[in-house]
PDB file of N, CA and C in Angstrom:
ATOM      1  N   MET A   1       0.948  -1.361   0.196  1.00  0.00           N
ATOM      2  CA  MET A   1      -0.086   0.002  -0.026  1.00  0.00           C
ATOM      3  C   MET A   1       0.846   1.058   0.011  1.00  0.00           C
ATOM      4  N   SER A   2       0.554   2.286  -0.761  1.00  0.00           N
ATOM      5  CA  SER A   2       1.300   3.546  -0.870  1.00  0.00           C
ATOM      6  C   SER A   2       0.595   4.567   0.334  1.00  0.00           C
ATOM      7  N   ALA A   3       1.075   5.745   0.194  1.00  0.00           N
ATOM      8  CA  ALA A   3       0.622   6.799   1.388  1.00  0.00           C
ATOM      9  C   ALA A   3      -0.749   7.386   0.496  1.00  0.00           C
ATOM     10  N   HIS A   4      -0.944   7.165  -0.915  1.00  0.00           N
ATOM     11  CA  HIS A   4      -2.090   7.513  -1.389  1.00  0.00           C
ATOM     12  C   HIS A   4      -3.090   6.746  -1.496  1.00  0.00           C
ATOM     13  N   ASP A   5      -3.320   5.527  -0.578  1.00  0.00           N
ATOM     14  CA  ASP A   5      -3.907   4.713  -0.781  1.00  0.00           C
ATOM     15  C   ASP A   5      -4.543   3.845  -1.983  1.00  0.00           C
ATOM     16  N   ARG A   6      -3.120   3.576  -2.435  1.00  0.00           N
ATOM     17  CA  ARG A   6      -2.728   2.634  -3.671  1.00  0.00           C
ATOM     18  C   ARG A   6      -2.228   1.619  -3.088  1.00  0.00           C
ATOM     19  N   TRP A   7      -2.526   0.202  -4.134  1.00  0.00           N
ATOM     20  CA  TRP A   7      -2.033  -0.823  -3.782  1.00  0.00           C
ATOM     21  C   TRP A   7      -1.531  -1.503  -5.174  1.00  0.00           C
ATOM     22  N   GLN A   8      -0.153  -1.934  -5.634  1.00  0.00           N
ATOM     23  CA  GLN A   8       0.143  -2.385  -6.488  1.00  0.00           C
ATOM     24  C   GLN A   8       0.488  -3.793  -6.576  1.00  0.00           C
ATOM     25  N   VAL A   9       0.256  -4.781  -7.769  1.00  0.00           N
ATOM     26  CA  VAL A   9       0.438  -5.903  -7.902  1.00  0.00           C
ATOM     27  C   VAL A   9       1.532  -5.888  -9.077  1.00  0.00           C
ATOM     28  N   PHE A  10       2.438  -6.724  -8.616  1.00  0.00           N
ATOM     29  CA  PHE A  10       3.418  -7.317  -9.479  1.00  0.00           C
ATOM     30  C   PHE A  10       3.779  -8.464 -10.152  1.00  0.00           C
ATOM     31  N   ARG A  11       4.389  -8.808 -11.143  1.00  0.00           N
ATOM     32  CA  ARG A  11       4.888 -10.268 -11.480  1.00  0.00           C
ATOM     33  C   ARG A  11       5.776 -10.540 -10.191  1.00  0.00           C
ATOM     34  N   GLY A  12       5.353 -11.773  -9.837  1.00  0.00           N
ATOM     35  CA  GLY A  12       6.540 -12.716  -8.873  1.00  0.00           C
ATOM     36  C   GLY A  12       6.756 -11.746  -7.954  1.00  0.00           C
ATOM     37  N   GLU A  13       8.174 -11.910  -7.363  1.00  0.00           N
ATOM     38  CA  GLU A  13       8.667 -11.154  -6.169  1.00  0.00           C
ATOM     39  C   GLU A  13       8.995  -9.839  -6.920  1.00  0.00           C
ATOM     40  N   SER A  14       8.817  -9.366  -7.726  1.00  0.00           N
ATOM     41  CA  SER A  14       9.561  -8.329  -8.324  1.00  0.00           C
ATOM     42  C   SER A  14       8.623  -6.798  -7.824  1.00  0.00           C
ATOM     43  N   VAL A  15       9.265  -5.831  -8.141  1.00  0.00           N
ATOM     44  CA  VAL A  15       8.769  -4.551  -7.442  1.00  0.00           C
ATOM     45  C   VAL A  15       9.072  -3.641  -8.816  1.00  0.00           C
ATOM     46  N   GLU A  16       9.761  -3.984  -9.758  1.00  0.00           N
ATOM     47  CA  GLU A  16      10.274  -3.059 -10.806  1.00  0.00           C
ATOM     48  C   GLU A  16       8.855  -2.637 -11.673  1.00  0.00           C
ATOM     49  N   PRO A  17       9.197  -1.266 -12.147  1.00  0.00           N
ATOM     50  CA  PRO A  17       7.839  -0.617 -12.669  1.00  0.00           C
ATOM     51  C   PRO A  17       7.597  -1.532 -14.161  1.00  0.00           C
ATOM     52  N   ASN A  18       8.523  -2.081 -14.778  1.00  0.00           N
ATOM     53  CA  ASN A  18       8.124  -2.728 -16.090  1.00  0.00           C
ATOM     54  C   ASN A  18       7.273  -3.923 -15.898  1.00  0.00           C
ATOM     55  N   ASP A  19       7.352  -4.990 -14.346  1.00  0.00           N
ATOM     56  CA  ASP A  19       6.545  -5.678 -14.029  1.00  0.00           C
ATOM     57  C   ASP A  19       5.587  -5.721 -13.503  1.00  0.00           C
ATOM     58  N   LEU A  20       4.908  -4.344 -13.369  1.00  0.00           N
ATOM     59  CA  LEU A  20       3.545  -3.760 -12.862  1.00  0.00           C
ATOM     60  C   LEU A  20       2.566  -4.685 -13.519  1.00  0.00           C
ATOM     61  N   ILE A  21       1.356  -5.133 -13.071  1.00  0.00           N
ATOM     62  CA  ILE A  21       0.554  -5.989 -13.692  1.00  0.00           C
ATOM     63  C   ILE A  21      -0.773  -4.861 -13.729  1.00  0.00           C
ATOM     64  N   PHE A  22      -1.107  -4.500 -12.309  1.00  0.00           N
ATOM     65  CA  PHE A  22      -2.245  -3.564 -12.141  1.00  0.00           C
ATOM     66  C   PHE A  22      -1.907  -3.168 -10.982  1.00  0.00           C
ATOM     67  N   SER A  23      -2.468  -1.563 -10.583  1.00  0.00           N
ATOM     68  CA  SER A  23      -2.553  -0.963  -9.493  1.00  0.00           C
ATOM     69  C   SER A  23      -4.217  -0.993  -8.960  1.00  0.00           C
ATOM     70  N   VAL A  24      -4.693  -0.679  -7.680  1.00  0.00           N
ATOM     71  CA  VAL A  24      -6.008  -0.645  -7.145  1.00  0.00           C
ATOM     72  C   VAL A  24      -5.795   0.494  -6.373  1.00  0.00           C
ATOM     73  N   LYS A  25      -6.910   1.349  -6.354  1.00  0.00           N
ATOM     74  CA  LYS A  25      -7.030   2.374  -5.469  1.00  0.00           C
ATOM     75  C   LYS A  25      -8.618   2.551  -4.903  1.00  0.00           C
ATOM     76  N   ARG A  26      -9.074   3.139  -3.931  1.00  0.00           N
ATOM     77  CA  ARG A  26     -10.239   3.386  -3.613  1.00  0.00           C
ATOM     78  C   ARG A  26     -10.885   4.286  -4.427  1.00  0.00           C
ATOM     79  N   SER A  27     -12.133   4.326  -4.574  1.00  0.00           N
ATOM     80  CA  SER A  27     -12.521   5.576  -5.681  1.00  0.00           C
ATOM     81  C   SER A  27     -12.768   6.647  -4.642  1.00  0.00           C
ATOM     82  N   SER A  28     -13.034   6.921  -3.303  1.00  0.00           N
ATOM     83  CA  SER A  28     -12.893   7.758  -2.342  1.00  0.00           C
ATOM     84  C   SER A  28     -12.431   7.156  -0.908  1.00  0.00           C
ATOM     85  N   MET A  29     -12.118   8.147   0.092  1.00  0.00           N
ATOM     86  CA  MET A  29     -11.522   7.899   1.306  1.00  0.00           C
ATOM     87  C   MET A  29     -12.445   7.027   1.967  1.00  0.00           C
ATOM     88  N   ILE A  30     -13.730   7.800   2.176  1.00  0.00           N
ATOM     89  CA  ILE A  30     -14.844   6.841   2.985  1.00  0.00           C
ATOM     90  C   ILE A  30     -15.967   6.667   2.167  1.00  0.00           C
ATOM     91  N   GLN A  31     -16.113   5.008   2.623  1.00  0.00           N
ATOM     92  CA  GLN A  31     -16.808   4.210   1.695  1.00  0.00           C
ATOM     93  C   GLN A  31     -17.895   3.629   2.919  1.00  0.00           C
ATOM     94  N   LEU A  32     -19.000   3.414   2.751  1.00  0.00           N
ATOM     95  CA  LEU A  32     -20.121   2.388   3.119  1.00  0.00           C
ATOM     96  C   LEU A  32     -20.465   1.230   2.721  1.00  0.00           C
ATOM     97  N   LYS A  33     -19.862   0.956   1.179  1.00  0.00           N
ATOM     98  CA  LYS A  33     -19.947  -0.115   0.519  1.00  0.00           C
ATOM     99  C   LYS A  33     -18.591   0.052  -0.326  1.00  0.00           C
ATOM    100  N   ALA A  34     -17.684  -0.975  -0.338  1.00  0.00           N
ATOM    101  CA  ALA A  34     -16.524  -1.030  -1.139  1.00  0.00           C
ATOM    102  C   ALA A  34     -16.442  -0.543  -2.262  1.00  0.00           C
ATOM    103  N   LYS A  35     -15.733   0.287  -2.610  1.00  0.00           N
ATOM    104  CA  LYS A  35     -15.555   0.697  -4.360  1.00  0.00           C
ATOM    105  C   LYS A  35     -14.399   0.982  -4.562  1.00  0.00           C
ATOM    106  N   LEU A  36     -13.787   0.276  -5.315  1.00  0.00           N
ATOM    107  CA  LEU A  36     -12.249   0.087  -5.720  1.00  0.00           C
ATOM    108  C   LEU A  36     -12.015   0.502  -7.447  1.00  0.00           C
ATOM    109  N   HIS A  37     -10.947   1.155  -7.819  1.00  0.00           N
ATOM    110  CA  HIS A  37     -10.973   1.495  -9.313  1.00  0.00           C
ATOM    111  C   HIS A  37      -9.399   0.861  -9.374  1.00  0.00           C
ATOM    112  N   VAL A  38      -9.364  -0.247 -10.874  1.00  0.00           N
ATOM    113  CA  VAL A  38      -8.217  -1.284 -10.726  1.00  0.00           C
ATOM    114  C   VAL A  38      -7.597  -0.571 -12.048  1.00  0.00           C
ATOM    115  N   PHE A  39      -6.583  -0.378 -12.219  1.00  0.00           N
ATOM    116  CA  PHE A  39      -5.865   0.092 -13.346  1.00  0.00           C
ATOM    117  C   PHE A  39      -4.768  -0.660 -14.142  1.00  0.00           C
ATOM    118  N   LEU A  40      -4.675  -1.078 -15.367  1.00  0.00           N
ATOM    119  CA  LEU A  40      -3.807  -2.023 -15.751  1.00  0.00           C
ATOM    120  C   LEU A  40      -2.728  -1.254 -15.997  1.00  0.00           C
ATOM    121  N   ALA A  41      -1.548  -1.978 -16.115  1.00  0.00           N
ATOM    122  CA  ALA A  41      -0.318  -1.336 -15.938  1.00  0.00           C
ATOM    123  C   ALA A  41      -0.040  -0.247 -17.251  1.00  0.00           C
ATOM    124  N   ASN A  42      -0.624  -0.759 -18.185  1.00  0.00           N
ATOM    125  CA  ASN A  42      -0.501   0.268 -19.381  1.00  0.00           C
ATOM    126  C   ASN A  42      -1.430   1.723 -19.480  1.00  0.00           C
ATOM    127  N   ASN A  43      -2.172   1.777 -18.659  1.00  0.00           N
ATOM    128  CA  ASN A  43      -3.037   2.712 -18.318  1.00  0.00           C
ATOM    129  C   ASN A  43      -2.344   3.834 -17.264  1.00  0.00           C
ATOM    130  N   THR A  44      -1.249   4.311 -17.924  1.00  0.00           N
ATOM    131  CA  THR A  44      -0.710   5.541 -17.253  1.00  0.00           C
ATOM    132  C   THR A  44      -1.207   6.548 -16.567  1.00  0.00           C
ATOM    133  N   LYS A  45      -2.441   6.962 -17.682  1.00  0.00           N
ATOM    134  CA  LYS A  45      -3.086   8.507 -17.606  1.00  0.00           C
ATOM    135  C   LYS A  45      -4.228   8.005 -16.305  1.00  0.00           C
ATOM    136  N   GLU A  46      -4.504   7.039 -15.884  1.00  0.00           N
ATOM    137  CA  GLU A  46      -5.648   6.596 -15.177  1.00  0.00           C
ATOM    138  C   GLU A  46      -6.496   7.814 -14.899  1.00  0.00           C
ATOM    139  N   ASP A  47      -7.096   8.029 -16.311  1.00  0.00           N
ATOM    140  CA  ASP A  47      -8.394   9.058 -16.393  1.00  0.00           C
ATOM    141  C   ASP A  47      -9.800   8.259 -16.170  1.00  0.00           C
ATOM    142  N   VAL A  48      -9.693   7.178 -16.846  1.00  0.00           N
ATOM    143  CA  VAL A  48     -10.585   6.037 -16.164  1.00  0.00           C
ATOM    144  C   VAL A  48     -10.100   4.728 -16.404  1.00  0.00           C
ATOM    145  N   CYS A  49     -10.809   3.941 -15.031  1.00  0.00           N
ATOM    146  CA  CYS A  49     -10.591   2.992 -14.463  1.00  0.00           C
ATOM    147  C   CYS A  49     -10.458   1.763 -15.468  1.00  0.00           C
ATOM    148  N   ASP A  50      -9.927   0.988 -15.276  1.00  0.00           N
ATOM    149  CA  ASP A  50     -10.122  -0.573 -16.376  1.00  0.00           C
ATOM    150  C   ASP A  50     -11.157  -1.640 -15.926  1.00  0.00           C
ATOM    151  N   PHE A  51     -11.263  -1.569 -14.589  1.00  0.00           N
ATOM    152  CA  PHE A  51     -12.066  -2.196 -14.100  1.00  0.00           C
ATOM    153  C   PHE A  51     -12.677  -1.635 -12.648  1.00  0.00           C
ATOM    154  N   ARG A  52     -14.057  -2.032 -12.117  1.00  0.00           N
ATOM    155  CA  ARG A  52     -14.257  -1.358 -11.093  1.00  0.00           C
ATOM    156  C   ARG A  52     -14.832  -2.355  -9.954  1.00  0.00           C
ATOM    157  N   VAL A  53     -14.213  -2.447  -8.918  1.00  0.00           N
ATOM    158  CA  VAL A  53     -15.051  -3.509  -7.791  1.00  0.00           C
ATOM    159  C   VAL A  53     -15.945  -3.129  -6.762  1.00  0.00           C
ATOM    160  N   GLU A  54     -16.925  -3.288  -6.767  1.00  0.00           N
ATOM    161  CA  GLU A  54     -17.737  -2.947  -5.798  1.00  0.00           C
ATOM    162  C   GLU A  54     -18.514  -4.216  -5.127  1.00  0.00           C
ATOM    163  N   GLY A  55     -18.501  -4.068  -3.661  1.00  0.00           N
ATOM    164  CA  GLY A  55     -18.915  -5.151  -2.961  1.00  0.00           C
ATOM    165  C   GLY A  55     -18.948  -4.818  -1.461  1.00  0.00           C
ATOM    166  N   SER A  56     -19.603  -5.657  -0.834  1.00  0.00           N
ATOM    167  CA  SER A  56     -19.752  -5.680   0.546  1.00  0.00           C
ATOM    168  C   SER A  56     -18.551  -6.881   1.240  1.00  0.00           C
ATOM    169  N   TRP A  57     -17.822  -5.968   2.226  1.00  0.00           N
ATOM    170  CA  TRP A  57     -16.748  -7.066   3.193  1.00  0.00           C
ATOM    171  C   TRP A  57     -17.542  -7.954   3.964  1.00  0.00           C
ATOM    172  N   LEU A  58     -18.611  -7.345   4.608  1.00  0.00           N
ATOM    173  CA  LEU A  58     -19.495  -7.517   5.734  1.00  0.00           C
ATOM    174  C   LEU A  58     -20.252  -9.191   5.043  1.00  0.00           C
ATOM    175  N   GLU A  59     -20.966  -9.252   3.742  1.00  0.00           N
ATOM    176  CA  GLU A  59     -21.460  -9.923   3.222  1.00  0.00           C
ATOM    177  C   GLU A  59     -20.450 -11.033   2.321  1.00  0.00           C
ATOM    178  N   ARG A  60     -18.958 -10.349   2.339  1.00  0.00           N
ATOM    179  CA  ARG A  60     -18.158 -11.195   1.290  1.00  0.00           C
ATOM    180  C   ARG A  60     -18.578 -11.498   0.088  1.00  0.00           C
ATOM    181  N   SER A  61     -18.593 -10.541  -0.585  1.00  0.00           N
ATOM    182  CA  SER A  61     -19.205 -10.446  -1.936  1.00  0.00           C
ATOM    183  C   SER A  61     -18.693  -9.221  -2.745  1.00  0.00           C
ATOM    184  N   CYS A  62     -18.727  -9.308  -3.937  1.00  0.00           N
ATOM    185  CA  CYS A  62     -18.279  -7.992  -4.702  1.00  0.00           C
ATOM    186  C   CYS A  62     -18.790  -8.565  -6.259  1.00  0.00           C
ATOM    187  N   THR A  63     -18.782  -7.453  -7.257  1.00  0.00           N
ATOM    188  CA  THR A  63     -19.231  -7.649  -8.503  1.00  0.00           C
ATOM    189  C   THR A  63     -17.949  -6.468  -9.342  1.00  0.00           C
ATOM    190  N   ILE A  64     -17.324  -7.065 -10.205  1.00  0.00           N
ATOM    191  CA  ILE A  64     -16.554  -6.307 -10.953  1.00  0.00           C
ATOM    192  C   ILE A  64     -16.903  -6.267 -12.154  1.00  0.00           C
ATOM    193  N   TYR A  65     -16.816  -4.782 -12.654  1.00  0.00           N
ATOM    194  CA  TYR A  65     -17.365  -4.215 -13.956  1.00  0.00           C
ATOM    195  C   TYR A  65     -16.179  -3.733 -14.919  1.00  0.00           C
ATOM    196  N   ALA A  66     -16.509  -3.529 -16.033  1.00  0.00           N
ATOM    197  CA  ALA A  66     -15.383  -2.978 -17.038  1.00  0.00           C
ATOM    198  C   ALA A  66     -15.453  -1.582 -17.123  1.00  0.00           C
ATOM    199  N   GLY A  67     -14.666  -0.973 -16.469  1.00  0.00           N
ATOM    200  CA  GLY A  67     -14.564   0.534 -16.379  1.00  0.00           C
ATOM    201  C   GLY A  67     -15.537   1.239 -15.660  1.00  0.00           C
ATOM    202  N   GLU A  68     -15.787   1.746 -15.963  1.00  0.00           N
ATOM    203  CA  GLU A  68     -17.107   2.659 -15.117  1.00  0.00           C
ATOM    204  C   GLU A  68     -18.295   2.269 -16.067  1.00  0.00           C
ATOM    205  N   SER A  69     -18.279   1.396 -16.802  1.00  0.00           N
ATOM    206  CA  SER A  69     -19.814   0.870 -17.419  1.00  0.00           C
ATOM    207  C   SER A  69     -20.530   0.065 -16.383  1.00  0.00           C
ATOM    208  N   SER A  70     -21.440  -0.559 -16.980  1.00  0.00           N
ATOM    209  CA  SER A  70     -22.442  -1.388 -16.173  1.00  0.00           C
ATOM    210  C   SER A  70     -22.155  -2.911 -16.701  1.00  0.00           C
ATOM    211  N   THR A  71     -21.179  -3.294 -17.622  1.00  0.00           N
ATOM    212  CA  THR A  71     -20.833  -4.357 -18.125  1.00  0.00           C
ATOM    213  C   THR A  71     -20.074  -5.129 -16.982  1.00  0.00           C
ATOM    214  N   LEU A  72     -20.992  -6.339 -16.868  1.00  0.00           N
ATOM    215  CA  LEU A  72     -20.317  -7.188 -15.897  1.00  0.00           C
ATOM    216  C   LEU A  72     -19.427  -8.085 -16.287  1.00  0.00           C
ATOM    217  N   VAL A  73     -18.190  -8.021 -15.728  1.00  0.00           N
ATOM    218  CA  VAL A  73     -17.200  -8.776 -15.718  1.00  0.00           C
ATOM    219  C   VAL A  73     -16.904 -10.298 -14.794  1.00  0.00           C
ATOM    220  N   ALA A  74     -17.327 -10.122 -13.589  1.00  0.00           N
ATOM    221  CA  ALA A  74     -17.508 -11.348 -12.975  1.00  0.00           C
ATOM    222  C   ALA A  74     -17.967 -10.822 -11.400  1.00  0.00           C
ATOM    223  N   GLN A  75     -18.467 -12.123 -10.892  1.00  0.00           N
ATOM    224  CA  GLN A  75     -19.222 -11.762  -9.612  1.00  0.00           C
ATOM    225  C   GLN A  75     -18.679 -12.822  -8.473  1.00  0.00           C
ATOM    226  N   MET A  76     -18.461 -12.519  -7.335  1.00  0.00           N
ATOM    227  CA  MET A  76     -17.943 -13.573  -6.374  1.00  0.00           C
ATOM    228  C   MET A  76     -18.773 -13.414  -5.150  1.00  0.00           C
ATOM    229  N   HIS A  77     -19.214 -14.189  -4.490  1.00  0.00           N
ATOM    230  CA  HIS A  77     -19.713 -14.448  -3.254  1.00  0.00           C
ATOM    231  C   HIS A  77     -19.582 -15.780  -2.348  1.00  0.00           C
ATOM    232  N   LYS A  78     -19.361 -15.476  -1.119  1.00  0.00           N
ATOM    233  CA  LYS A  78     -19.252 -16.463  -0.382  1.00  0.00           C
ATOM    234  C   LYS A  78     -20.277 -17.909  -0.263  1.00  0.00           C
ATOM    235  N   LYS A  79     -19.799 -18.905  -0.034  1.00  0.00           N
ATOM    236  CA  LYS A  79     -20.695 -19.889  -0.741  1.00  0.00           C
ATOM    237  C   LYS A  79     -20.162 -21.244  -0.138  1.00  0.00           C
ATOM    238  N   HIS A  80     -20.771 -21.985   0.539  1.00  0.00           N
ATOM    239  CA  HIS A  80     -20.216 -23.507   0.875  1.00  0.00           C
ATOM    240  C   HIS A  80     -20.894 -24.376   0.398  1.00  0.00           C
ATOM    241  N   THR A  81     -20.038 -24.701  -1.140  1.00  0.00           N
ATOM    242  CA  THR A  81     -20.103 -26.066  -2.003  1.00  0.00           C
ATOM    243  C   THR A  81     -18.955 -26.580  -2.441  1.00  0.00           C
ATOM    244  N   VAL A  82     -19.144 -27.763  -2.892  1.00  0.00           N
ATOM    245  CA  VAL A  82     -17.904 -28.593  -3.218  1.00  0.00           C
ATOM    246  C   VAL A  82     -17.365 -28.013  -4.445  1.00  0.00           C
ATOM    247  N   GLN A  83     -18.026 -27.010  -5.201  1.00  0.00           N
ATOM    248  CA  GLN A  83     -17.702 -26.404  -6.736  1.00  0.00           C
ATOM    249  C   GLN A  83     -16.807 -25.030  -6.381  1.00  0.00           C
ATOM    250  N   SER A  84     -17.025 -24.573  -5.229  1.00  0.00           N
ATOM    251  CA  SER A  84     -16.495 -23.136  -4.749  1.00  0.00           C
ATOM    252  C   SER A  84     -14.956 -23.505  -4.479  1.00  0.00           C
ATOM    253  N   ILE A  85     -14.345 -21.948  -4.812  1.00  0.00           N
ATOM    254  CA  ILE A  85     -12.980 -22.111  -4.522  1.00  0.00           C
ATOM    255  C   ILE A  85     -12.829 -21.789  -2.918  1.00  0.00           C
ATOM    256  N   LEU A  86     -11.264 -21.908  -2.365  1.00  0.00           N
ATOM    257  CA  LEU A  86     -10.822 -21.958  -1.168  1.00  0.00           C
ATOM    258  C   LEU A  86     -10.016 -20.299  -1.530  1.00  0.00           C
ATOM    259  N   ILE A  87     -10.439 -19.333  -0.660  1.00  0.00           N
ATOM    260  CA  ILE A  87      -9.480 -18.194  -0.444  1.00  0.00           C
ATOM    261  C   ILE A  87      -9.483 -18.191   1.038  1.00  0.00           C
ATOM    262  N   GLY A  88      -8.294 -18.337   1.798  1.00  0.00           N
ATOM    263  CA  GLY A  88      -8.233 -17.922   3.276  1.00  0.00           C
ATOM    264  C   GLY A  88      -9.313 -19.155   3.445  1.00  0.00           C
ATOM    265  N   LYS A  89     -10.002 -18.712   4.533  1.00  0.00           N
ATOM    266  CA  LYS A  89     -10.490 -19.622   5.245  1.00  0.00           C
ATOM    267  C   LYS A  89     -12.133 -19.773   4.850  1.00  0.00           C
ATOM    268  N   ASP A  90     -12.299 -18.837   3.909  1.00  0.00           N
ATOM    269  CA  ASP A  90     -13.651 -18.978   2.867  1.00  0.00           C
ATOM    270  C   ASP A  90     -13.595 -19.534   2.112  1.00  0.00           C
ATOM    271  N   ASN A  91     -14.893 -20.070   1.381  1.00  0.00           N
ATOM    272  CA  ASN A  91     -15.375 -20.694   0.171  1.00  0.00           C
ATOM    273  C   ASN A  91     -15.679 -19.621  -0.756  1.00  0.00           C
ATOM    274  N   PHE A  92     -15.783 -19.697  -1.892  1.00  0.00           N
ATOM    275  CA  PHE A  92     -16.272 -18.595  -2.612  1.00  0.00           C
ATOM    276  C   PHE A  92     -17.146 -19.144  -4.122  1.00  0.00           C
ATOM    277  N   THR A  93     -17.815 -18.802  -4.521  1.00  0.00           N
ATOM    278  CA  THR A  93     -18.851 -19.404  -5.882  1.00  0.00           C
ATOM    279  C   THR A  93     -17.819 -17.472  -6.520  1.00  0.00           C
ATOM    280  N   VAL A  94     -17.465 -18.032  -7.837  1.00  0.00           N
ATOM    281  CA  VAL A  94     -17.183 -17.246  -8.788  1.00  0.00           C
ATOM    282  C   VAL A  94     -17.709 -17.236  -9.922  1.00  0.00           C
ATOM    283  N   THR A  95     -18.226 -16.413 -10.880  1.00  0.00           N
ATOM    284  CA  THR A  95     -18.980 -16.569 -11.870  1.00  0.00           C
ATOM    285  C   THR A  95     -17.983 -15.341 -13.023  1.00  0.00           C
ATOM    286  N   VAL A  96     -17.428 -15.911 -14.184  1.00  0.00           N
ATOM    287  CA  VAL A  96     -16.375 -14.766 -14.595  1.00  0.00           C
ATOM    288  C   VAL A  96     -17.226 -15.195 -16.041  1.00  0.00           C
ATOM    289  N   TYR A  97     -17.342 -13.851 -16.669  1.00  0.00           N
ATOM    290  CA  TYR A  97     -17.738 -13.698 -18.082  1.00  0.00           C
ATOM    291  C   TYR A  97     -17.009 -13.959 -19.123  1.00  0.00           C
ATOM    292  N   PRO A  98     -17.365 -14.457 -20.486  1.00  0.00           N
ATOM    293  CA  PRO A  98     -16.547 -14.469 -21.558  1.00  0.00           C
ATOM    294  C   PRO A  98     -15.512 -13.672 -21.581  1.00  0.00           C
ATOM    295  N   ASN A  99     -14.131 -14.012 -21.983  1.00  0.00           N
ATOM    296  CA  ASN A  99     -13.222 -13.516 -22.345  1.00  0.00           C
ATOM    297  C   ASN A  99     -12.465 -12.942 -21.339  1.00  0.00           C
ATOM    298  N   ILE A 100     -12.410 -13.215 -20.440  1.00  0.00           N
ATOM    299  CA  ILE A 100     -11.941 -12.407 -19.024  1.00  0.00           C
ATOM    300  C   ILE A 100     -11.007 -13.717 -18.498  1.00  0.00           C
ATOM    301  N   ASP A 101      -9.627 -13.091 -17.973  1.00  0.00           N
ATOM    302  CA  ASP A 101      -9.074 -13.979 -17.388  1.00  0.00           C
ATOM    303  C   ASP A 101      -9.262 -14.112 -15.697  1.00  0.00           C
ATOM    304  N   TYR A 102      -9.455 -15.303 -15.678  1.00  0.00           N
ATOM    305  CA  TYR A 102     -10.218 -15.645 -14.462  1.00  0.00           C
ATOM    306  C   TYR A 102      -9.088 -15.621 -13.090  1.00  0.00           C
ATOM    307  N   ALA A 103      -8.057 -15.943 -13.490  1.00  0.00           N
ATOM    308  CA  ALA A 103      -6.988 -15.656 -12.395  1.00  0.00           C
ATOM    309  C   ALA A 103      -6.663 -14.160 -12.051  1.00  0.00           C
ATOM    310  N   PHE A 104      -6.969 -13.137 -13.181  1.00  0.00           N
ATOM    311  CA  PHE A 104      -6.874 -11.878 -12.950  1.00  0.00           C
ATOM    312  C   PHE A 104      -7.880 -11.494 -11.946  1.00  0.00           C
ATOM    313  N   ILE A 105      -9.383 -12.028 -12.060  1.00  0.00           N
ATOM    314  CA  ILE A 105     -10.367 -11.844 -11.230  1.00  0.00           C
ATOM    315  C   ILE A 105     -10.195 -11.919  -9.899  1.00  0.00           C
ATOM    316  N   VAL A 106      -9.492 -13.287  -9.277  1.00  0.00           N
ATOM    317  CA  VAL A 106      -9.103 -13.145  -8.137  1.00  0.00           C
ATOM    318  C   VAL A 106      -8.678 -12.404  -7.272  1.00  0.00           C
ATOM    319  N   CYS A 107      -7.426 -11.846  -7.989  1.00  0.00           N
ATOM    320  CA  CYS A 107      -6.564 -11.026  -7.707  1.00  0.00           C
ATOM    321  C   CYS A 107      -7.016  -9.779  -6.965  1.00  0.00           C
ATOM    322  N   PRO A 108      -7.767  -8.738  -7.538  1.00  0.00           N
ATOM    323  CA  PRO A 108      -8.180  -7.912  -7.027  1.00  0.00           C
ATOM    324  C   PRO A 108      -9.315  -7.984  -5.844  1.00  0.00           C
ATOM    325  N   TYR A 109     -10.001  -9.273  -5.729  1.00  0.00           N
ATOM    326  CA  TYR A 109     -10.754  -9.465  -4.591  1.00  0.00           C
ATOM    327  C   TYR A 109     -10.157  -9.606  -3.331  1.00  0.00           C
ATOM    328  N   CYS A 110      -8.804 -10.495  -3.708  1.00  0.00           N
ATOM    329  CA  CYS A 110      -7.982 -11.019  -2.383  1.00  0.00           C
ATOM    330  C   CYS A 110      -7.573  -9.519  -2.124  1.00  0.00           C
ATOM    331  N   ASP A 111      -6.995  -8.269  -2.897  1.00  0.00           N
ATOM    332  CA  ASP A 111      -6.539  -7.354  -2.452  1.00  0.00           C
ATOM    333  C   ASP A 111      -7.698  -6.592  -1.761  1.00  0.00           C
ATOM    334  N   SER A 112      -8.735  -6.531  -2.532  1.00  0.00           N
ATOM    335  CA  SER A 112      -9.961  -5.824  -1.558  1.00  0.00           C
ATOM    336  C   SER A 112      -9.850  -6.239   0.156  1.00  0.00           C
ATOM    337  N   GLY A 113      -9.754  -7.431   0.259  1.00  0.00           N
ATOM    338  CA  GLY A 113     -10.060  -8.271   1.313  1.00  0.00           C
ATOM    339  C   GLY A 113      -8.780  -7.578   2.243  1.00  0.00           C
ATOM    340  N   ARG A 114      -7.382  -7.316   1.737  1.00  0.00           N
ATOM    341  CA  ARG A 114      -6.563  -6.965   2.567  1.00  0.00           C
ATOM    342  C   ARG A 114      -6.696  -5.412   2.880  1.00  0.00           C
ATOM    343  N   ILE A 115      -6.961  -4.845   1.655  1.00  0.00           N
ATOM    344  CA  ILE A 115      -7.315  -3.207   1.812  1.00  0.00           C
ATOM    345  C   ILE A 115      -8.247  -3.266   3.160  1.00  0.00           C
ATOM    346  N   ASN A 116      -9.413  -4.090   3.204  1.00  0.00           N
ATOM    347  CA  ASN A 116     -10.539  -3.655   4.374  1.00  0.00           C
ATOM    348  C   ASN A 116     -10.002  -3.718   5.481  1.00  0.00           C
ATOM    349  N   HIS A 117      -9.105  -5.273   5.738  1.00  0.00           N
ATOM    350  CA  HIS A 117      -8.325  -5.595   6.872  1.00  0.00           C
ATOM    351  C   HIS A 117      -7.468  -4.660   7.544  1.00  0.00           C
ATOM    352  N   GLU A 118      -6.673  -3.959   6.646  1.00  0.00           N
ATOM    353  CA  GLU A 118      -6.015  -2.958   6.867  1.00  0.00           C
ATOM    354  C   GLU A 118      -6.399  -1.475   7.790  1.00  0.00           C
ATOM    355  N   ASP A 119      -7.625  -1.380   7.165  1.00  0.00           N
ATOM    356  CA  ASP A 119      -8.804  -0.342   8.073  1.00  0.00           C
ATOM    357  C   ASP A 119      -8.859  -0.670   9.084  1.00  0.00           C
ATOM    358  N   ASP A 120      -8.967  -1.833   9.604  1.00  0.00           N
ATOM    359  CA  ASP A 120      -9.118  -2.234  10.997  1.00  0.00           C
ATOM    360  C   ASP A 120      -7.962  -2.161  12.037  1.00  0.00           C
ATOM    361  N   ASP A 121      -6.793  -1.807  11.669  1.00  0.00           N
ATOM    362  CA  ASP A 121      -5.865  -1.895  12.347  1.00  0.00           C
ATOM    363  C   ASP A 121      -5.800  -0.555  12.911  1.00  0.00           C
TER     364      ASP A 121
END
């Protein structure tokens, strides 16, 4: 996390600028419901986010949209089923829409959980 409420995700163990995959920042400092903006590494102007994550940490769910549009990219929510994936101690059902990298979708959600828990400190 940076001093400007920004989280950066790099390839592997690197922290080199050319290994940056994406960065995440809150849409505002005070939030009743979580809203994060995700910027891919090649979006250097950051005038419009590439993805938007909105959700409820209490409900352990989120929806990921393409930029500032209403186009759904993925949805995640806590569920206890055999088909769910394990993140930490929780099981989640993930719906990822066509032409989206499912591994990428899990990253902003995991980061959002860490972001939320840092507020508790």
